[in-house]
Protein backbone atom coordinates (compact mmCIF):
# COMPACT_ATOMS: atom_id res chain seq x y z
CA MET A 1 0.07 -0.05 -0.18
CA ALA A 2 1.26 3.52 -0.60
CA ALA A 3 2.41 5.70 1.86
CA ALA A 4 0.24 8.55 2.72
CA ALA A 5 1.09 11.74 1.24
CA ALA A 6 2.83 14.28 3.03
CA ARG A 7 0.97 17.58 3.05
CA ARG A 8 1.84 20.54 3.23
CA TYR A 9 1.58 23.49 6.69
CA PHE A 10 3.14 27.23 8.00
CA CYS A 11 3.18 28.25 10.99
CA THR A 12 3.50 31.18 13.06
CA ALA A 13 5.97 31.91 15.26
CA GLY A 14 7.63 34.92 17.68
CA ARG A 15 10.29 36.03 16.53
CA GLY A 16 13.62 34.39 17.20
CA LEU A 17 11.61 31.22 17.90
CA GLU A 18 11.81 30.10 14.29
CA LEU A 19 15.06 27.40 14.55
CA PHE A 20 13.54 25.89 17.68
CA LEU A 21 10.10 25.67 15.31
CA ALA A 22 12.02 24.49 12.90
CA ARG A 23 14.26 21.89 14.77
CA GLU A 24 11.12 20.65 16.27
CA VAL A 25 8.95 20.58 12.97
CA ARG A 26 11.67 17.64 11.91
CA ARG A 27 12.38 16.15 15.20
CA ARG A 28 8.62 15.34 16.10
CA LEU A 29 7.31 15.46 12.96
CA GLY A 30 9.70 14.06 10.51
CA ALA A 31 9.11 16.99 8.57
CA THR A 32 11.22 17.76 5.17
CA GLU A 33 11.00 20.59 2.78
CA VAL A 34 11.50 23.12 6.17
CA ASP A 35 11.29 26.78 4.93
CA CYS A 36 12.27 29.46 7.95
CA ILE A 37 10.76 32.60 7.29
CA SER A 38 10.63 35.72 9.32
CA GLY A 39 7.45 34.94 12.20
CA LYS A 40 6.89 31.43 10.29
CA VAL A 41 7.71 28.14 9.09
CA PHE A 42 6.49 25.99 5.87
CA PHE A 43 6.79 22.26 6.34
CA SER A 44 5.82 19.28 4.69
CA THR A 45 4.82 15.78 6.26
CA GLU A 46 2.65 12.78 6.88
CA ALA A 47 1.30 13.82 10.82
CA GLU A 48 -1.94 12.98 11.69
CA PRO A 49 -3.95 15.89 13.44
CA GLY A 50 -2.63 15.06 17.02
CA GLU A 51 0.90 14.81 16.02
CA LEU A 52 0.43 18.31 14.76
CA ARG A 53 -1.84 19.71 18.36
CA LYS A 54 1.74 18.87 20.12
CA LEU A 55 3.80 21.16 18.52
CA ARG A 56 5.29 23.81 21.47
CA SER A 57 7.40 26.28 19.41
CA GLY A 58 4.64 27.31 18.00
CA GLU A 59 1.47 30.13 17.19
CA ARG A 60 -0.96 29.27 15.04
CA LEU A 61 -0.96 26.34 12.51
CA PHE A 62 -2.11 26.27 9.22
CA LEU A 63 -2.36 23.72 5.62
CA LEU A 64 -1.17 25.75 3.50
CA LEU A 65 -3.06 26.99 0.23
CA LYS A 66 -0.93 29.37 -1.78
CA LYS A 67 3.08 30.55 -1.57
CA HIS A 68 3.82 32.85 -3.78
CA PRO A 69 6.44 35.60 -4.22
CA PRO A 70 5.22 39.36 -3.83
CA LEU A 71 2.83 40.03 -6.03
CA ALA A 72 3.98 43.20 -8.21
CA ALA A 73 2.58 46.57 -6.56
CA SER A 74 0.85 48.97 -9.72
CA GLY A 75 -1.38 52.07 -8.83
CA ASN A 76 -4.59 50.26 -10.49
CA LYS A 77 -6.61 49.41 -7.82
CA GLY A 78 -9.56 47.29 -10.12
CA LYS A 79 -6.26 45.68 -11.96
CA MET A 80 -4.69 44.54 -8.31
CA LEU A 81 -8.09 43.43 -6.94
CA HIS A 82 -8.30 41.10 -9.60
CA GLU A 83 -4.43 39.65 -9.29
CA ILE A 84 -5.08 39.30 -6.32
CA LYS A 85 -8.72 37.18 -6.10
CA SER A 86 -6.45 35.21 -8.90
CA PHE A 87 -3.60 34.11 -7.08
CA VAL A 88 -6.25 33.40 -4.58
CA ILE A 89 -9.08 31.65 -5.93
CA GLU A 90 -7.34 30.17 -9.22
CA GLU A 91 -7.68 26.55 -9.57
CA PRO A 92 -10.74 24.99 -7.88
CA LYS A 93 -9.70 21.67 -7.93
CA TYR A 94 -6.84 22.24 -5.95
CA TRP A 95 -8.76 24.27 -3.70
CA LEU A 96 -11.14 21.40 -3.40
CA ASP A 97 -9.04 19.57 -2.66
CA VAL A 98 -7.49 21.12 0.25
CA ILE A 99 -10.82 21.81 1.89
CA SER A 100 -11.14 18.41 1.32
CA ILE A 101 -7.75 17.75 3.91
CA TRP A 102 -9.14 20.55 6.18
CA ARG A 103 -12.37 18.84 6.09
CA ASN A 104 -10.79 14.83 7.53
CA PHE A 105 -8.70 16.21 10.10
CA TYR A 106 -11.66 16.18 12.06
CA ARG A 107 -13.42 13.60 11.03
CA CYS A 108 -10.14 11.74 11.73
CA GLU A 109 -9.76 12.91 15.28
CA GLY A 110 -13.78 13.24 16.01
CA LYS A 111 -13.29 17.13 15.73
CA LYS A 112 -17.00 18.02 15.22
CA HIS A 113 -17.92 18.45 18.71
CA ASP A 114 -14.15 20.37 18.51
CA VAL A 115 -14.82 22.72 15.89
CA SER A 116 -18.47 23.70 17.09
CA GLN A 117 -16.58 24.60 20.52
CA GLU A 118 -13.91 26.64 19.39
CA ASN A 119 -15.54 28.72 16.78
CA ARG A 120 -17.32 30.15 19.67
CA LEU A 121 -14.29 31.79 20.51
CA PRO A 122 -15.72 35.02 20.85
CA LEU A 123 -14.61 37.36 18.01
CA LYS A 124 -14.61 41.02 19.59
CA ARG A 125 -12.52 41.88 22.84
CA ARG A 126 -14.56 41.96 26.29
CA SER A 127 -13.74 44.32 28.49
CA GLU A 128 -12.23 43.40 32.02
CA GLU A 129 -15.70 44.47 34.33
CA GLU A 130 -17.56 41.37 31.55
CA THR A 131 -14.62 39.04 32.51
CA ASN A 132 -15.70 36.69 35.20
CA THR A 133 -13.67 34.37 35.91
CA ALA A 134 -9.89 34.35 35.80
CA THR A 135 -9.50 31.02 33.33
CA LYS A 136 -11.62 33.13 30.96
CA ARG A 137 -8.92 36.46 31.80
CA GLN A 138 -5.42 34.42 31.05
CA LYS A 139 -7.56 33.25 28.13
CA THR A 140 -8.17 36.02 26.23
CA GLU A 141 -4.66 37.40 27.50
CA GLN A 142 -3.61 34.35 25.22
CA VAL A 143 -5.24 35.32 22.22
CA ARG A 144 -4.55 38.96 22.65
CA ALA A 145 -0.78 38.43 22.94
CA THR A 146 -0.65 36.15 19.74
CA VAL A 147 -2.51 38.14 17.28
CA SER A 148 -0.24 41.02 19.00
CA GLU A 149 2.80 38.98 18.13
CA GLU A 150 1.70 37.80 14.48
CA CYS A 151 0.68 41.74 13.69
CA GLN A 152 4.50 42.77 14.73
CA VAL A 153 6.38 40.33 12.50
CA GLU A 154 5.87 43.75 9.54
CA ALA A 155 6.41 47.23 10.10
CA GLY A 156 4.09 48.92 9.23
CA GLU A 157 2.11 46.25 8.67
CA ARG A 158 -2.27 46.91 8.49
CA CYS A 159 -4.43 43.34 9.38
CA VAL A 160 -8.17 42.89 9.47
CA VAL A 161 -10.40 40.19 9.84
CA LEU A 162 -13.45 41.06 7.80
CA GLY A 163 -15.79 42.51 9.75
CA ARG A 164 -14.89 42.88 13.43
CA GLU A 165 -13.63 44.60 16.07
CA SER A 166 -9.58 44.21 14.94
CA LEU A 167 -7.65 42.90 18.34
CA GLN A 168 -4.49 44.46 19.78
CA GLY A 169 -1.67 45.97 18.01
CA CYS A 170 -4.43 46.14 14.18
CA ARG A 171 -6.05 48.67 12.50
CA THR A 172 -9.88 48.76 13.39
CA GLU A 173 -12.14 48.77 10.57
CA SER A 174 -15.84 49.07 10.29
CA LYS A 175 -17.88 45.91 9.83
CA ILE A 176 -18.47 44.89 5.58
CA SER A 177 -22.23 43.03 4.81
CA LEU A 178 -21.44 41.27 1.98
CA GLU A 179 -24.22 40.52 0.08
CA ASP A 180 -25.60 36.69 -1.84
CA PRO A 181 -23.44 36.33 -4.44
CA SER A 182 -26.74 35.92 -6.65
CA LYS A 183 -27.75 39.20 -6.07
CA ILE A 184 -24.62 40.71 -6.92
CA SER A 185 -24.08 39.07 -10.34
CA GLY A 186 -27.07 36.88 -11.10
CA GLU A 187 -24.51 33.93 -11.56
CA LYS A 188 -24.51 30.20 -9.79
CA PRO A 189 -21.50 28.99 -7.78
CA ILE A 190 -19.85 27.26 -10.19
CA MET A 191 -17.83 25.29 -7.65
CA ASN A 192 -20.66 23.72 -5.16
CA GLU A 193 -19.94 20.69 -3.03
CA GLN A 194 -23.02 19.00 -1.21
CA LEU A 195 -21.07 20.64 1.59
CA THR A 196 -22.18 24.16 2.10
CA TYR A 197 -19.54 26.05 4.75
CA ARG A 198 -19.65 29.04 6.57
CA PHE A 199 -16.88 31.47 6.35
CA ARG A 200 -14.59 34.31 6.93
CA VAL A 201 -11.90 36.40 5.86
CA SER A 202 -8.75 37.38 7.28
CA CYS A 203 -6.37 39.46 5.72
CA ARG A 204 -2.90 41.21 6.69
CA CYS A 205 -0.99 42.94 4.31
CA SER A 206 2.21 45.71 4.61
CA GLY A 207 4.85 47.25 2.40
CA ALA A 208 4.13 47.96 -0.95
CA ILE A 209 0.56 46.68 -1.54
CA ALA A 210 -0.52 48.18 1.65
CA LYS A 211 -0.13 51.46 -0.12
CA ILE A 212 -2.48 51.21 -2.49
CA LEU A 213 -4.97 48.91 -0.92
CA THR A 214 -6.21 48.23 2.14
CA SER A 215 -6.80 44.75 3.87
CA GLU A 216 -10.32 45.29 4.77
CA GLU A 217 -10.87 45.77 0.52
CA ILE A 218 -8.32 43.28 -0.29
CA GLY A 219 -11.00 41.24 2.46
CA ARG A 220 -14.09 41.63 0.52
CA ALA A 221 -12.68 41.41 -2.88
CA ILE A 222 -11.77 38.37 -1.79
CA GLY A 223 -14.70 37.05 0.51
CA ILE A 224 -16.92 38.22 -2.94
CA ALA A 225 -15.64 36.01 -5.13
CA LEU A 226 -15.28 32.97 -3.04
CA MET A 227 -19.74 33.61 -2.47
CA LYS A 228 -19.72 33.36 -5.66
CA GLN A 229 -16.97 30.38 -6.21
CA CYS A 230 -17.97 27.90 -4.04
CA GLY A 231 -21.33 28.73 -3.09
CA TRP A 232 -20.20 29.78 0.69
CA GLN A 233 -21.76 31.50 3.29
CA THR A 234 -20.02 34.93 5.49
CA ASP A 235 -20.66 34.25 9.26
CA LEU A 236 -18.71 36.17 10.78
CA ARG A 237 -18.85 35.34 14.59
CA ASN A 238 -18.71 31.53 14.06
CA PRO A 239 -17.53 30.32 10.73
CA ASP A 240 -17.38 26.94 10.10
CA LEU A 241 -13.67 27.93 8.07
CA GLU A 242 -11.13 30.63 7.91
CA ILE A 243 -9.72 31.65 4.77
CA PHE A 244 -5.88 33.91 5.49
CA VAL A 245 -4.48 35.73 3.22
CA HIS A 246 -0.88 37.61 4.04
CA LEU A 247 0.12 39.71 1.41
CA ASN A 248 3.80 42.10 2.07
CA ASP A 249 6.86 42.63 0.20
CA VAL A 250 8.67 39.18 1.28
CA HIS A 251 5.82 36.73 -0.27
CA SER A 252 1.88 35.96 -0.59
CA VAL A 253 0.45 33.39 1.51
CA VAL A 254 -2.95 31.98 1.82
CA GLY A 255 -3.72 29.25 4.76
CA ILE A 256 -6.72 27.68 6.45
CA PRO A 257 -6.09 27.21 10.28
CA LEU A 258 -6.34 24.11 11.47
CA PHE A 259 -6.97 24.85 15.47
CA ARG A 260 -9.30 27.54 16.16
CA LEU A 261 -7.10 28.54 19.33
CA PRO A 262 -4.01 28.95 18.97
CA LEU A 263 -1.09 26.04 19.81
CA ALA A 264 -0.14 28.43 22.32
CA ASN A 265 -3.00 28.37 24.17
CA ARG A 266 -1.68 26.01 27.43
CA ASP A 267 -4.91 24.78 29.01
CA TYR A 268 -3.46 23.39 31.88
CA ILE A 269 -1.97 27.28 32.85
CA LYS A 270 -4.40 29.40 34.27
CA ARG A 271 -2.01 32.30 35.71
CA ALA A 272 0.04 32.82 32.95
CA GLY A 273 3.26 33.94 33.30
CA LEU A 274 5.89 33.83 30.81
CA ARG A 275 5.00 33.82 27.16
CA SER A 276 4.73 29.33 27.26
CA THR A 277 6.86 28.62 23.55
CA VAL A 278 9.57 30.83 25.33
CA ALA A 279 9.49 28.65 28.18
CA TRP A 280 9.81 25.56 26.04
CA ALA A 281 12.19 26.78 24.06
CA MET A 282 14.43 27.10 26.94
CA ALA A 283 13.73 23.89 28.48
CA SER A 284 14.32 22.71 25.33
CA LEU A 285 18.37 23.97 25.51
CA ALA A 286 18.19 22.61 28.66
CA GLU A 287 19.25 19.13 27.20
CA ILE A 288 17.00 17.42 30.05
CA SER A 289 17.48 13.25 29.74
CA ALA A 290 15.24 10.97 32.09
CA GLY A 291 15.97 10.40 35.95
CA ALA A 292 17.60 13.37 35.36
CA PHE A 293 17.14 17.20 38.28
CA VAL A 294 16.33 20.71 37.51
CA LEU A 295 15.65 23.59 38.72
CA ASP A 296 13.82 26.74 38.17
CA PRO A 297 15.56 29.28 40.93
CA MET A 298 13.13 31.98 40.59
CA CYS A 299 9.94 29.79 39.59
CA GLY A 300 7.57 32.50 39.51
CA LEU A 301 4.24 31.38 38.40
CA GLY A 302 6.34 27.96 37.22
CA THR A 303 5.68 28.13 33.40
CA ILE A 304 9.08 26.57 32.62
CA LEU A 305 8.90 24.30 35.15
CA LEU A 306 5.55 23.48 33.63
CA GLU A 307 6.84 23.15 29.68
CA ALA A 308 9.27 21.40 31.06
CA ALA A 309 7.62 18.17 32.92
CA LYS A 310 5.03 17.77 29.79
CA GLU A 311 8.05 17.67 27.53
CA TRP A 312 10.42 15.74 29.59
CA PRO A 313 8.29 13.55 32.42
CA GLU A 314 10.46 11.87 33.65
CA ALA A 315 12.68 14.04 35.14
CA CYS A 316 12.53 15.50 39.06
CA TYR A 317 11.84 18.67 38.82
CA TRP A 318 12.31 21.73 41.69
CA GLY A 319 10.78 25.45 41.82
CA ALA A 320 12.01 27.99 44.20
CA ASP A 321 10.39 32.06 44.97
CA ILE A 322 11.01 34.34 47.68
CA SER A 323 7.34 35.02 47.09
CA ASP A 324 4.38 33.69 48.38
CA SER A 325 1.91 34.79 45.72
CA GLN A 326 3.72 33.40 43.09
CA LEU A 327 4.55 29.94 44.71
CA GLU A 328 0.83 29.49 45.15
CA GLY A 329 0.13 30.45 41.40
CA ALA A 330 2.90 27.99 40.57
CA ASP A 331 0.74 25.38 42.67
CA VAL A 332 -2.64 26.07 40.57
CA ASN A 333 -0.41 25.48 37.79
CA ILE A 334 0.98 22.73 39.14
CA ARG A 335 -2.12 20.83 40.49
CA THR A 336 -3.89 22.14 37.45
CA ALA A 337 -1.43 20.35 35.12
CA GLY A 338 -1.91 17.17 37.15
CA LEU A 339 2.00 17.68 37.51
CA MET A 340 1.81 17.54 41.68
CA ASP A 341 4.45 14.51 41.35
CA LYS A 342 6.92 15.83 39.15
CA ILE A 343 7.43 19.36 40.62
CA GLU A 344 8.36 20.37 43.79
CA LEU A 345 8.46 23.66 45.13
CA LEU A 346 9.73 25.80 47.70
CA LYS A 347 10.11 29.32 49.18
CA ALA A 348 13.36 30.50 49.05
CA SER A 349 16.12 33.74 47.99
CA ALA A 350 17.85 32.87 44.56
CA LYS A 351 20.59 34.38 46.31
CA ALA A 352 20.63 32.10 48.97
CA LEU A 353 19.47 28.57 47.76
CA PRO A 354 18.74 25.71 50.98
CA LEU A 355 19.98 23.13 47.91
CA PRO A 356 23.53 20.63 47.84
CA SER A 357 25.47 22.13 46.21
CA GLU A 358 26.48 20.04 42.61
CA SER A 359 22.58 18.39 43.03
CA PHE A 360 21.13 19.63 39.32
CA ASP A 361 21.59 18.47 36.37
CA ALA A 362 19.90 21.63 35.19
CA VAL A 363 19.22 25.11 35.74
CA ILE A 364 16.58 27.14 34.42
CA SER A 365 15.23 30.39 34.96
CA ASP A 366 13.48 33.86 33.90
CA ILE A 367 15.78 36.63 35.72
CA PRO A 368 12.38 38.89 36.41
CA PHE A 369 14.53 42.02 36.81
CA GLY A 370 12.44 45.23 37.71
CA LYS A 371 8.93 45.48 35.82
CA LYS A 372 8.82 44.73 32.46
CA PHE A 373 12.95 44.62 31.99
CA LYS A 374 12.87 47.94 33.62
CA ILE A 375 16.46 47.35 35.68
CA THR A 376 18.67 49.83 38.21
CA LYS A 377 20.11 48.48 41.25
CA ASP A 378 18.60 45.29 41.09
CA ILE A 379 21.23 44.32 38.70
CA GLN A 380 23.66 44.59 41.28
CA LEU A 381 22.48 41.34 42.84
CA LEU A 382 23.20 39.26 39.02
CA PRO A 383 26.39 38.04 40.30
CA ASP A 384 25.13 36.48 43.31
CA ILE A 385 22.30 34.61 42.07
CA LEU A 386 24.51 33.80 39.06
CA GLN A 387 26.69 31.89 41.86
CA GLU A 388 24.75 29.99 43.66
CA MET A 389 23.12 29.02 40.25
CA GLU A 390 26.97 27.82 39.73
CA ARG A 391 27.31 25.76 42.87
CA VAL A 392 24.18 23.71 42.94
CA LEU A 393 24.74 23.13 38.61
CA ARG A 394 26.46 19.65 38.23
CA VAL A 395 30.03 19.57 36.07
CA GLY A 396 28.61 18.77 32.76
CA GLY A 397 25.07 20.24 33.59
CA THR A 398 23.47 23.37 31.24
CA ILE A 399 22.16 26.67 32.86
CA VAL A 400 20.17 28.42 30.38
CA LEU A 401 18.71 32.10 31.33
CA LEU A 402 16.15 34.75 29.60
CA LEU A 403 16.93 38.09 30.41
CA SER A 404 16.73 42.07 29.60
CA GLN A 405 18.45 43.54 26.91
CA ASP A 406 19.94 45.20 29.23
CA LEU A 407 21.11 42.25 31.13
CA HIS A 408 21.88 40.53 28.23
CA LYS A 409 24.92 43.77 27.43
CA CYS A 410 26.42 43.21 30.60
CA MET A 411 26.91 39.09 31.05
CA ASP A 412 29.79 40.05 28.86
CA GLY A 413 31.12 42.00 31.55
CA ILE A 414 29.79 39.41 34.01
CA THR A 415 31.53 36.59 32.46
CA LYS A 416 34.77 37.97 30.84
CA CYS A 417 33.82 35.70 27.62
CA ALA A 418 32.39 37.97 25.47
CA GLU A 419 35.08 37.47 22.83
CA ASN A 420 34.77 34.19 22.81
CA TYR A 421 30.89 33.43 21.34
CA SER A 422 28.66 35.94 19.22
CA PRO A 423 25.31 36.82 20.05
CA ASN A 424 24.26 34.79 16.83
CA ALA A 425 25.64 32.24 18.17
CA ILE A 426 23.64 28.53 18.16
CA SER A 427 23.34 25.84 20.63
CA ASP A 428 25.88 23.61 17.94
CA GLY A 429 28.36 26.73 17.93
CA ARG A 430 27.38 26.91 14.10
CA SER A 431 27.36 30.87 12.78
CA GLU A 432 23.28 32.27 11.95
CA THR A 433 24.87 35.34 10.10
CA ALA A 434 21.97 35.61 8.41
CA THR A 435 19.43 34.68 11.60
CA ALA A 436 21.12 37.60 13.45
CA LYS A 437 20.91 39.80 11.08
CA ALA A 438 17.03 39.40 10.47
CA LEU A 439 16.33 39.01 14.14
CA ASN A 440 18.33 42.98 14.46
CA VAL A 441 20.70 40.71 18.03
CA ASP A 442 21.85 43.28 19.94
CA GLY A 443 22.59 45.71 17.76
CA ASN A 444 23.50 48.76 19.78
CA SER A 445 25.44 47.63 23.04
CA SER A 446 26.82 49.96 24.88
CA SER A 447 29.28 49.29 28.34
CA LEU A 448 26.63 51.40 30.62
CA VAL A 449 23.59 50.40 32.18
CA ASN A 450 21.37 52.18 33.77
CA GLY A 451 24.74 54.12 35.60
CA VAL A 452 26.41 50.88 36.04
CA GLU A 453 29.28 49.76 34.57
CA GLU A 454 30.41 46.37 33.45
CA SER A 455 33.75 47.14 35.22
CA PHE A 456 31.37 47.12 38.46
CA LEU A 457 30.23 43.45 37.59
CA SER A 458 33.65 42.08 36.32
CA SER A 459 35.63 43.68 38.98
CA ARG A 460 33.67 41.76 42.35
CA TRP A 461 32.87 38.88 40.62
CA THR A 462 35.44 35.96 41.01
CA PRO A 463 32.60 32.79 40.34
CA PHE A 464 31.26 31.51 37.37
CA ARG A 465 34.84 29.98 36.65
CA SER A 466 33.65 27.09 35.40
CA LEU A 467 30.54 28.47 33.29
CA ARG A 468 31.43 28.44 29.25
CA PRO A 469 28.74 29.87 26.90
CA ASN A 470 26.63 27.72 24.37
CA GLY A 471 24.84 30.20 22.54
CA VAL A 472 22.77 33.47 23.15
CA TYR A 473 19.21 33.51 20.99
CA ALA A 474 17.17 37.15 20.71
CA VAL A 475 13.69 35.72 20.92
CA SER A 476 10.39 38.49 21.89
CA LEU A 477 8.57 38.98 24.02
CA GLY A 478 5.89 41.55 22.83
CA LYS A 479 6.73 44.88 23.16
CA THR A 480 9.61 43.51 24.98
CA ASP A 481 12.74 41.47 23.07
CA ALA A 482 15.24 39.72 25.29
CA PHE A 483 18.15 37.37 25.01
CA ILE A 484 17.97 33.72 25.32
CA HIS A 485 21.83 32.83 26.33
CA LYS A 486 23.58 28.88 27.03
CA TYR A 487 25.96 28.27 29.36
CA ARG A 488 27.28 24.32 29.98
CA LYS A 489 29.74 23.86 33.43
CA VAL A 490 32.92 22.24 32.80
CA ALA A 491 35.03 21.00 35.13
CA THR A 492 37.93 23.63 36.96
CA ASP A 493 41.25 22.59 38.62
CA SER A 494 40.07 23.09 41.51
CA GLN A 495 37.27 20.46 40.59
CA HIS A 496 40.09 17.58 40.48
């Protein structure tokens, strides 16, 4: 029997996580033809829906309909709309084949109930006064963060979903009512299946095209064309099917979201902290093996520990924090995830951990200095925290840290190893110059951070001799940029 044909997909990713997602689809899905661009990863795989849902470093997953070089912009709006409609809707048989694949996904998983539930996600933002439970608030924030991230991929980009108020980061467009196609032209649909879908068009455009046409105009034209050609009906609030169109100066992409909620939505996280995709990426760098002991000495709400324990359940995890409220929130998340037997929590200062030396195989932490990564005198505590991390780590173990831009610059002075690594290094030590340029990795460093000189840090720093830099990754936290640093502990003369 012939093997099933591989299907073509693309998945959106936060800036800086494209390389993590590319590695994950290869490892988890056996993906081929993997192609990374800023904000998206394209790939082919024969994996079933259940496997696709397990992706942890991606945001939204799409079945790919079209990928094409950027469409040429011209001063004739009518001509441009015609070309865009032709690009999106040409090859009716191919459209039906892809729609059939999309439908079969839900048949395979028994997704009829799942689709109806996911499609009830409200399209308009609710105010905080209308939100009644902590769970609903957390899910709203996750969806808002995902949409905001996707809308910030291109500078000057405009985003619109036909007929809804745009979410954060997008222009608010007026509601459009599409007429029945038979009233528009008197034509009968030329591509009518037994099943008639309710649909909506989500359009995002930037660059040269956006200077001539709005996302609203493009989405409306595509919507009317699909009604005429397919016999479908528009449903802006509760559609069966969504058509996603993204046009910019780099590419033209059309896809169908496979799942209404983003992959980044974790049902086991009740109190949201660090973005789950970034937490997973950090855990993936720690090289966690069966039986390993893993510590987050500033665990907050426990997101890193949750992501790690879900993915690598045969390890043992410990989380420490000085804040009672943070530990209470972490405990709620751990119980919701059913990981009480995997994760231990203790109240302790990261500067004085009540733990034996060289007792952990990995230390992973988001260094939570100040509000929204704005640091002041707290930076003076960093050497003490790093010293404790080094102390409890075994030789051969790894440390993975998430740092603000300012702390990232200071790490060079602290470790005295700036000349031995570059901001665009990756975990295997090879250079990724193109990626670094695309992501603007540390293009404007400074030796002075909020009045605290690097020389002050390095002059008082005597430990940290056994840690060797093993890669730095620039990532986005929405409106804030940050850096993931990885270190490996090696034996020193005093440890022989």
